[in-house]
Amino acid sequence: MWKRFIVFIAVLFLLPGVFTFGAEKTCDRACLENYIDRYLDAMKDNNPSLDLFTRDCKFTENGAQLPLGGEGLWYSMTGRANYKFYIPDIETRQIAYIGTVKEAGGPARNGQPAKETISAVSIRLKIDDNGKICEAEQLVMRPELNLFAAEETEETKETEGAEAAGPPKMLPTGEAIDKMGAPHPVYMEAIPEKERMSREELVKVANYYFEGGQRIDGKVYYPFTDDCERFENGMQTTQTNCKEQFESGQLKDIISRIRDRRFVAVDRERGIVFAFCFFDHVKINWTWEISELFKIENGLIRRIEAAFLRCPYGMNSGWSTYQQTMSEEIQSIH
């Protein structure tokens, strides 16, 4: 009996991604990353098993609460693509993720099967005391789809040819992020243990970016390194660097309000903060639903990556009260 017990303990010790729940409630980096992998596998197979999820697991996609399974990306995902960026938060047992997936791209036409497309996803999972996913939220950035497209004729071929001769179009978000291949190596660099900031300190630095983006007036603190770069939807959007772009006033009066700033995952070991929020453009009734992450070193933002989509003006995340939705205050999600 004792021999069996000792062997059992030894096996648990050797398992990668050691995790314990109950009294200690810990789940390390590998453990949390494994939850993302299992979640994506479950979604591809449309299998919201109670082995992985709580019975009352809350699920949202693009701000709308949906049944867990059978709808949204759970209905249409066919596989994973190339890009995979994990942001584990060991202190709160949450994990965020930006990646790409394959998705059935619409109805079959002309006797041909539906074309597979690449979509970008931003995900947050919360793990409960029993080791099950109790909260799942995701943004899905899909390519545009025209459900009423006419069947191909000689006339439509000529029209498409004329469009192709015009200015080049931007890649859809999923394709652009997928083309990046992998997160930039700087994100994988660990911060020396003695130099690691607290969760609250890292969130405060990341929030300066939102404060600066909303109030381009030269009076806001811009904590950027001289080589800071920003990528949005897979495209570089800094011509020089972040600091010069903000201090030059290039972005002045573009963003009216940055609200519902939910900081949902902080990787203290690597100095990465992940947040969801909304950018409002009041003059044109336009809102972006944003997922954004920041690499922070020595109190300065070194690199930024965002994935976002347009949503109805004034949209709610599905996780906030009205007061929180309209607030510009920090919400540190535990």
Protein backbone atom coordinates (compact mmCIF):
# COMPACT_ATOMS: atom_id res chain seq x y z
CA MET A 1 0.00 0.00 0.00
CA TRP A 2 2.75 2.46 0.96
CA LYS A 3 4.69 1.66 -2.19
CA ARG A 4 1.66 2.49 -4.34
CA PHE A 5 1.17 5.76 -2.46
CA ILE A 6 4.83 6.75 -2.94
CA VAL A 7 4.66 5.97 -6.68
CA PHE A 8 1.47 8.04 -7.01
CA ILE A 9 3.11 11.04 -5.31
CA ALA A 10 6.19 10.69 -7.51
CA VAL A 11 4.08 10.72 -10.66
CA LEU A 12 2.28 13.86 -9.56
CA PHE A 13 5.60 15.55 -8.85
CA LEU A 14 6.95 14.76 -12.31
CA LEU A 15 3.90 15.95 -14.22
CA PRO A 16 4.56 19.14 -16.26
CA GLY A 17 2.58 22.16 -15.23
CA VAL A 18 2.15 21.16 -11.61
CA PHE A 19 -1.13 22.35 -10.18
CA THR A 20 -2.95 22.00 -6.87
CA PHE A 21 -6.38 23.23 -5.96
CA GLY A 22 -8.29 23.50 -2.74
CA ALA A 23 -6.24 24.94 0.09
CA GLU A 24 -3.27 26.26 -1.92
CA LYS A 25 -5.15 27.01 -5.17
CA THR A 26 -2.09 27.28 -7.39
CA CYS A 27 -1.62 26.69 -11.11
CA ASP A 28 1.71 27.55 -12.74
CA ARG A 29 2.53 28.86 -16.24
CA ALA A 30 2.41 25.49 -17.99
CA CYS A 31 -0.78 24.57 -16.14
CA LEU A 32 -2.57 27.75 -17.21
CA GLU A 33 -1.34 27.53 -20.81
CA ASN A 34 -2.70 23.98 -20.92
CA TYR A 35 -6.16 25.34 -20.08
CA ILE A 36 -6.05 27.49 -23.22
CA ASP A 37 -5.04 24.47 -25.31
CA ARG A 38 -7.81 22.34 -23.83
CA TYR A 39 -10.31 25.16 -24.27
CA LEU A 40 -9.46 25.58 -27.95
CA ASP A 41 -9.63 21.82 -28.49
CA ALA A 42 -13.03 21.72 -26.79
CA MET A 43 -14.26 24.59 -28.96
CA LYS A 44 -13.02 22.93 -32.16
CA ASP A 45 -14.82 19.72 -31.19
CA ASN A 46 -17.87 21.63 -29.88
CA ASN A 47 -17.56 19.71 -26.65
CA PRO A 48 -18.21 21.87 -23.53
CA SER A 49 -17.62 18.92 -21.19
CA LEU A 50 -18.24 19.25 -17.47
CA ASP A 51 -14.81 17.67 -17.04
CA LEU A 52 -13.36 21.05 -18.07
CA PHE A 53 -16.13 23.58 -17.39
CA THR A 54 -18.35 24.39 -14.44
CA ARG A 55 -22.05 23.81 -15.02
CA ASP A 56 -22.74 27.55 -14.84
CA CYS A 57 -19.64 28.74 -16.76
CA LYS A 58 -20.32 32.20 -18.17
CA PHE A 59 -19.32 32.67 -21.82
CA THR A 60 -19.25 35.78 -24.01
CA GLU A 61 -18.16 36.37 -27.59
CA ASN A 62 -17.65 39.93 -28.82
CA GLY A 63 -19.52 41.24 -25.79
CA ALA A 64 -22.63 39.06 -26.15
CA GLN A 65 -23.39 36.33 -23.62
CA LEU A 66 -24.06 33.07 -25.46
CA PRO A 67 -24.67 29.43 -24.54
CA LEU A 68 -21.41 27.58 -23.98
CA GLY A 69 -21.18 25.39 -27.08
CA GLY A 70 -22.98 25.24 -30.41
CA GLU A 71 -22.88 28.98 -31.20
CA GLY A 72 -20.33 31.60 -32.20
CA LEU A 73 -16.84 30.23 -32.73
CA TRP A 74 -17.92 27.02 -30.99
CA TYR A 75 -20.06 26.33 -34.05
CA SER A 76 -17.61 27.29 -36.80
CA MET A 77 -14.04 26.64 -35.60
CA THR A 78 -12.28 23.95 -37.62
CA GLY A 79 -8.72 24.11 -36.22
CA ARG A 80 -5.87 26.24 -34.92
CA ALA A 81 -3.59 28.34 -37.11
CA ASN A 82 -0.04 29.57 -36.43
CA TYR A 83 -0.07 32.45 -33.93
CA LYS A 84 -0.11 31.62 -30.20
CA PHE A 85 0.54 34.17 -27.45
CA TYR A 86 -0.16 33.10 -23.84
CA ILE A 87 -0.36 35.58 -20.95
CA PRO A 88 -0.78 33.58 -17.71
CA ASP A 89 -1.66 35.30 -14.43
CA ILE A 90 -0.65 32.85 -11.71
CA GLU A 91 -1.76 35.12 -8.86
CA THR A 92 -5.40 35.26 -10.01
CA ARG A 93 -5.62 31.88 -11.82
CA GLN A 94 -6.57 33.60 -15.07
CA ILE A 95 -4.99 33.40 -18.49
CA ALA A 96 -5.29 35.63 -21.54
CA TYR A 97 -4.39 34.67 -25.09
CA ILE A 98 -4.09 36.16 -28.57
CA GLY A 99 -3.98 33.67 -31.41
CA THR A 100 -5.36 32.59 -34.76
CA VAL A 101 -7.81 29.86 -35.65
CA LYS A 102 -9.33 28.32 -38.76
CA GLU A 103 -13.04 28.80 -39.25
CA ALA A 104 -15.67 27.73 -41.74
CA GLY A 105 -16.04 30.91 -43.75
CA GLY A 106 -19.71 30.85 -44.74
CA PRO A 107 -22.24 28.84 -46.70
CA ALA A 108 -21.28 26.57 -49.58
CA ARG A 109 -21.79 28.03 -53.06
CA ASN A 110 -22.01 26.62 -56.57
CA GLY A 111 -21.72 23.09 -55.24
CA GLN A 112 -18.39 23.91 -53.56
CA PRO A 113 -17.78 23.43 -49.81
CA ALA A 114 -17.50 26.47 -47.56
CA LYS A 115 -14.12 28.15 -47.78
CA GLU A 116 -11.98 27.97 -44.65
CA THR A 117 -10.82 31.35 -43.34
CA ILE A 118 -8.41 32.49 -40.63
CA SER A 119 -9.75 34.51 -37.70
CA ALA A 120 -7.93 36.13 -34.80
CA VAL A 121 -9.06 35.44 -31.24
CA SER A 122 -8.44 37.13 -27.89
CA ILE A 123 -9.43 34.99 -24.92
CA ARG A 124 -9.62 35.21 -21.13
CA LEU A 125 -10.26 32.18 -18.94
CA LYS A 126 -10.83 32.06 -15.18
CA ILE A 127 -10.11 28.82 -13.28
CA ASP A 128 -12.09 28.07 -10.10
CA ASP A 129 -11.01 26.36 -6.87
CA ASN A 130 -11.84 22.94 -8.30
CA GLY A 131 -9.68 23.36 -11.39
CA LYS A 132 -12.52 24.03 -13.82
CA ILE A 133 -13.11 26.94 -16.19
CA CYS A 134 -15.83 29.13 -14.68
CA GLU A 135 -15.50 32.20 -16.95
CA ALA A 136 -14.65 32.37 -20.64
CA GLU A 137 -14.70 35.51 -22.75
CA GLN A 138 -13.40 36.02 -26.23
CA LEU A 139 -13.19 38.46 -29.09
CA VAL A 140 -13.23 36.98 -32.59
CA MET A 141 -11.87 39.11 -35.43
CA ARG A 142 -13.30 37.59 -38.61
CA PRO A 143 -12.76 38.61 -42.25
CA GLU A 144 -15.67 40.43 -43.85
CA LEU A 145 -18.30 38.11 -45.27
CA ASN A 146 -20.92 39.06 -47.85
CA LEU A 147 -23.82 36.66 -47.42
CA PHE A 148 -25.61 38.15 -50.41
CA ALA A 149 -22.78 37.93 -52.91
CA ALA A 150 -24.02 37.06 -56.39
CA GLU A 151 -22.82 33.95 -58.13
CA GLU A 152 -19.72 34.57 -60.21
CA THR A 153 -20.40 35.82 -63.73
CA GLU A 154 -18.26 37.40 -66.44
CA GLU A 155 -19.45 40.80 -65.21
CA THR A 156 -18.43 40.12 -61.60
CA LYS A 157 -15.07 38.80 -62.78
CA GLU A 158 -14.45 42.09 -64.62
CA THR A 159 -15.48 44.09 -61.53
CA GLU A 160 -13.18 42.07 -59.27
CA GLY A 161 -10.37 42.53 -61.78
CA ALA A 162 -10.86 46.30 -61.74
CA GLU A 163 -10.77 46.30 -57.91
CA ALA A 164 -7.61 44.21 -57.91
CA ALA A 165 -5.93 46.84 -60.12
CA GLY A 166 -6.65 49.54 -57.52
CA PRO A 167 -4.80 50.25 -54.26
CA PRO A 168 -3.81 47.12 -52.32
CA LYS A 169 -6.24 46.14 -49.56
CA MET A 170 -5.17 45.52 -45.98
CA LEU A 171 -4.99 41.90 -44.96
CA PRO A 172 -7.87 40.70 -42.77
CA THR A 173 -6.89 40.75 -39.09
CA GLY A 174 -6.62 36.97 -38.77
CA GLU A 175 -4.34 36.64 -41.77
CA ALA A 176 -2.16 39.59 -40.72
CA ILE A 177 -1.65 38.28 -37.18
CA ASP A 178 -1.13 34.74 -38.44
CA LYS A 179 1.55 36.05 -40.79
CA MET A 180 3.51 37.33 -37.76
CA GLY A 181 4.15 33.67 -36.98
CA ALA A 182 5.01 34.00 -33.29
CA PRO A 183 5.24 36.67 -30.60
CA HIS A 184 8.30 38.91 -30.84
CA PRO A 185 11.23 37.45 -28.83
CA VAL A 186 11.23 40.44 -26.48
CA TYR A 187 7.94 39.21 -25.01
CA MET A 188 9.54 35.92 -23.99
CA GLU A 189 12.36 37.56 -22.02
CA ALA A 190 12.05 37.12 -18.27
CA ILE A 191 12.44 40.13 -16.00
CA PRO A 192 15.17 39.57 -13.37
CA GLU A 193 13.41 38.59 -10.16
CA LYS A 194 14.70 41.58 -8.16
CA GLU A 195 13.42 43.97 -10.85
CA ARG A 196 9.89 42.57 -11.14
CA MET A 197 7.12 45.03 -10.43
CA SER A 198 3.97 44.14 -8.52
CA ARG A 199 0.73 43.39 -10.36
CA GLU A 200 -0.69 46.78 -9.34
CA GLU A 201 2.44 48.66 -10.47
CA LEU A 202 2.40 46.98 -13.89
CA VAL A 203 -1.30 47.77 -14.37
CA LYS A 204 -0.67 51.41 -13.43
CA VAL A 205 2.07 51.74 -16.08
CA ALA A 206 -0.10 50.10 -18.76
CA ASN A 207 -2.97 52.46 -17.93
CA TYR A 208 -0.75 55.47 -18.70
CA TYR A 209 -1.01 54.35 -22.34
CA PHE A 210 -4.80 54.64 -22.23
CA GLU A 211 -4.59 57.98 -20.41
CA GLY A 212 -2.14 59.27 -23.02
CA GLY A 213 -4.16 57.95 -25.95
CA GLN A 214 -7.28 59.72 -24.74
CA ARG A 215 -5.61 62.97 -23.69
CA ILE A 216 -2.97 63.86 -26.26
CA ASP A 217 -2.17 67.24 -24.75
CA GLY A 218 1.52 67.05 -23.87
CA LYS A 219 0.68 67.00 -20.16
CA VAL A 220 0.18 63.27 -19.67
CA TYR A 221 3.04 61.00 -18.65
CA TYR A 222 4.15 58.78 -21.56
CA PRO A 223 6.24 55.92 -20.10
CA PHE A 224 7.73 54.53 -23.32
CA THR A 225 11.22 53.25 -24.08
CA ASP A 226 12.95 54.96 -27.01
CA ASP A 227 12.54 51.81 -29.14
CA CYS A 228 8.87 51.14 -28.28
CA GLU A 229 6.81 49.80 -31.19
CA ARG A 230 3.10 49.07 -31.54
CA PHE A 231 1.35 46.47 -33.69
CA GLU A 232 -2.41 46.59 -34.22
CA ASN A 233 -4.29 43.76 -35.94
CA GLY A 234 -0.97 42.42 -37.19
CA MET A 235 0.23 45.72 -38.72
CA GLN A 236 2.89 48.05 -37.35
CA THR A 237 1.27 51.41 -36.54
CA THR A 238 4.28 53.35 -35.28
CA GLN A 239 6.31 55.05 -38.03
CA THR A 240 9.09 56.00 -35.62
CA ASN A 241 8.33 54.99 -32.03
CA CYS A 242 5.49 55.17 -29.52
CA LYS A 243 6.85 58.13 -27.56
CA GLU A 244 7.42 60.35 -30.58
CA GLN A 245 3.98 59.51 -31.96
CA PHE A 246 2.28 60.54 -28.71
CA GLU A 247 4.40 63.62 -28.03
CA SER A 248 4.08 64.90 -31.60
CA GLY A 249 0.30 65.12 -31.30
CA GLN A 250 -0.32 62.88 -34.32
CA LEU A 251 -3.19 61.18 -32.45
CA LYS A 252 -4.73 64.36 -30.98
CA ASP A 253 -8.57 64.51 -31.04
CA ILE A 254 -8.86 61.08 -32.66
CA ILE A 255 -10.06 59.07 -29.63
CA SER A 256 -12.84 60.63 -27.56
CA ARG A 257 -12.94 58.15 -24.70
CA ILE A 258 -11.16 54.98 -23.57
CA ARG A 259 -13.50 53.23 -21.17
CA ASP A 260 -14.22 49.98 -19.36
CA ARG A 261 -10.49 49.42 -18.86
CA ARG A 262 -10.41 45.84 -17.60
CA PHE A 263 -6.91 44.58 -16.80
CA VAL A 264 -7.52 40.84 -16.76
CA ALA A 265 -4.09 39.15 -16.84
CA VAL A 266 -0.62 40.14 -15.63
CA ASP A 267 2.46 38.00 -16.27
CA ARG A 268 4.87 39.41 -13.67
CA GLU A 269 7.70 37.08 -14.67
CA ARG A 270 7.83 38.54 -18.19
CA GLY A 271 6.41 41.99 -17.44
CA ILE A 272 3.31 41.67 -19.64
CA VAL A 273 -0.11 43.22 -18.98
CA PHE A 274 -3.25 42.26 -20.94
CA ALA A 275 -6.40 44.39 -20.99
CA PHE A 276 -9.82 44.66 -22.61
CA CYS A 277 -11.38 48.09 -23.21
CA PHE A 278 -13.33 50.23 -25.69
CA PHE A 279 -12.20 53.17 -27.82
CA ASP A 280 -15.07 55.56 -28.58
CA HIS A 281 -15.11 58.11 -31.41
CA VAL A 282 -18.04 60.29 -30.42
CA LYS A 283 -18.16 62.50 -33.54
CA ILE A 284 -18.75 59.54 -35.87
CA ASN A 285 -20.63 57.18 -33.48
CA TRP A 286 -17.89 54.57 -33.77
CA THR A 287 -16.55 52.15 -31.14
CA TRP A 288 -13.68 49.68 -31.24
CA GLU A 289 -13.74 46.68 -28.89
CA ILE A 290 -10.09 46.27 -27.93
CA SER A 291 -7.76 43.62 -26.57
CA GLU A 292 -4.28 44.98 -25.91
CA LEU A 293 -1.09 43.85 -24.23
CA PHE A 294 2.01 45.68 -23.05
CA LYS A 295 5.61 44.58 -22.42
CA ILE A 296 6.95 46.61 -19.50
CA GLU A 297 10.57 46.85 -18.38
CA ASN A 298 11.85 49.09 -15.57
CA GLY A 299 8.55 50.92 -15.45
CA LEU A 300 8.53 51.70 -19.20
CA ILE A 301 6.44 50.24 -22.03
CA ARG A 302 8.70 48.63 -24.61
CA ARG A 303 6.24 46.96 -26.98
CA ILE A 304 2.47 46.94 -27.59
CA GLU A 305 0.24 44.51 -29.42
CA ALA A 306 -3.50 44.87 -30.01
CA ALA A 307 -6.30 42.97 -31.70
CA PHE A 308 -9.71 44.60 -32.07
CA LEU A 309 -12.93 44.86 -34.03
CA ARG A 310 -15.65 47.39 -34.59
CA CYS A 311 -18.75 46.96 -32.43
CA PRO A 312 -22.00 48.90 -31.87
CA TYR A 313 -21.36 52.37 -30.47
CA GLY A 314 -21.37 52.35 -26.66
CA MET A 315 -21.11 48.54 -26.48
CA ASN A 316 -20.84 46.72 -23.13
CA SER A 317 -18.30 43.92 -22.58
CA GLY A 318 -20.85 41.57 -21.06
CA TRP A 319 -18.86 41.63 -17.79
CA SER A 320 -19.32 45.18 -16.50
CA THR A 321 -22.09 47.25 -14.96
CA TYR A 322 -23.24 50.36 -16.81
CA GLN A 323 -21.17 52.51 -14.44
CA GLN A 324 -18.07 50.40 -15.09
CA THR A 325 -18.76 50.40 -18.84
CA MET A 326 -18.66 54.18 -19.00
CA SER A 327 -15.83 54.60 -16.50
CA GLU A 328 -12.25 55.53 -17.37
CA GLU A 329 -10.96 54.13 -14.07
CA ILE A 330 -8.68 51.10 -13.72
CA GLN A 331 -10.51 47.81 -13.19
CA SER A 332 -8.05 45.18 -11.98
CA ILE A 333 -9.90 41.91 -12.56
CA HIS A 334 -9.22 39.16 -10.03
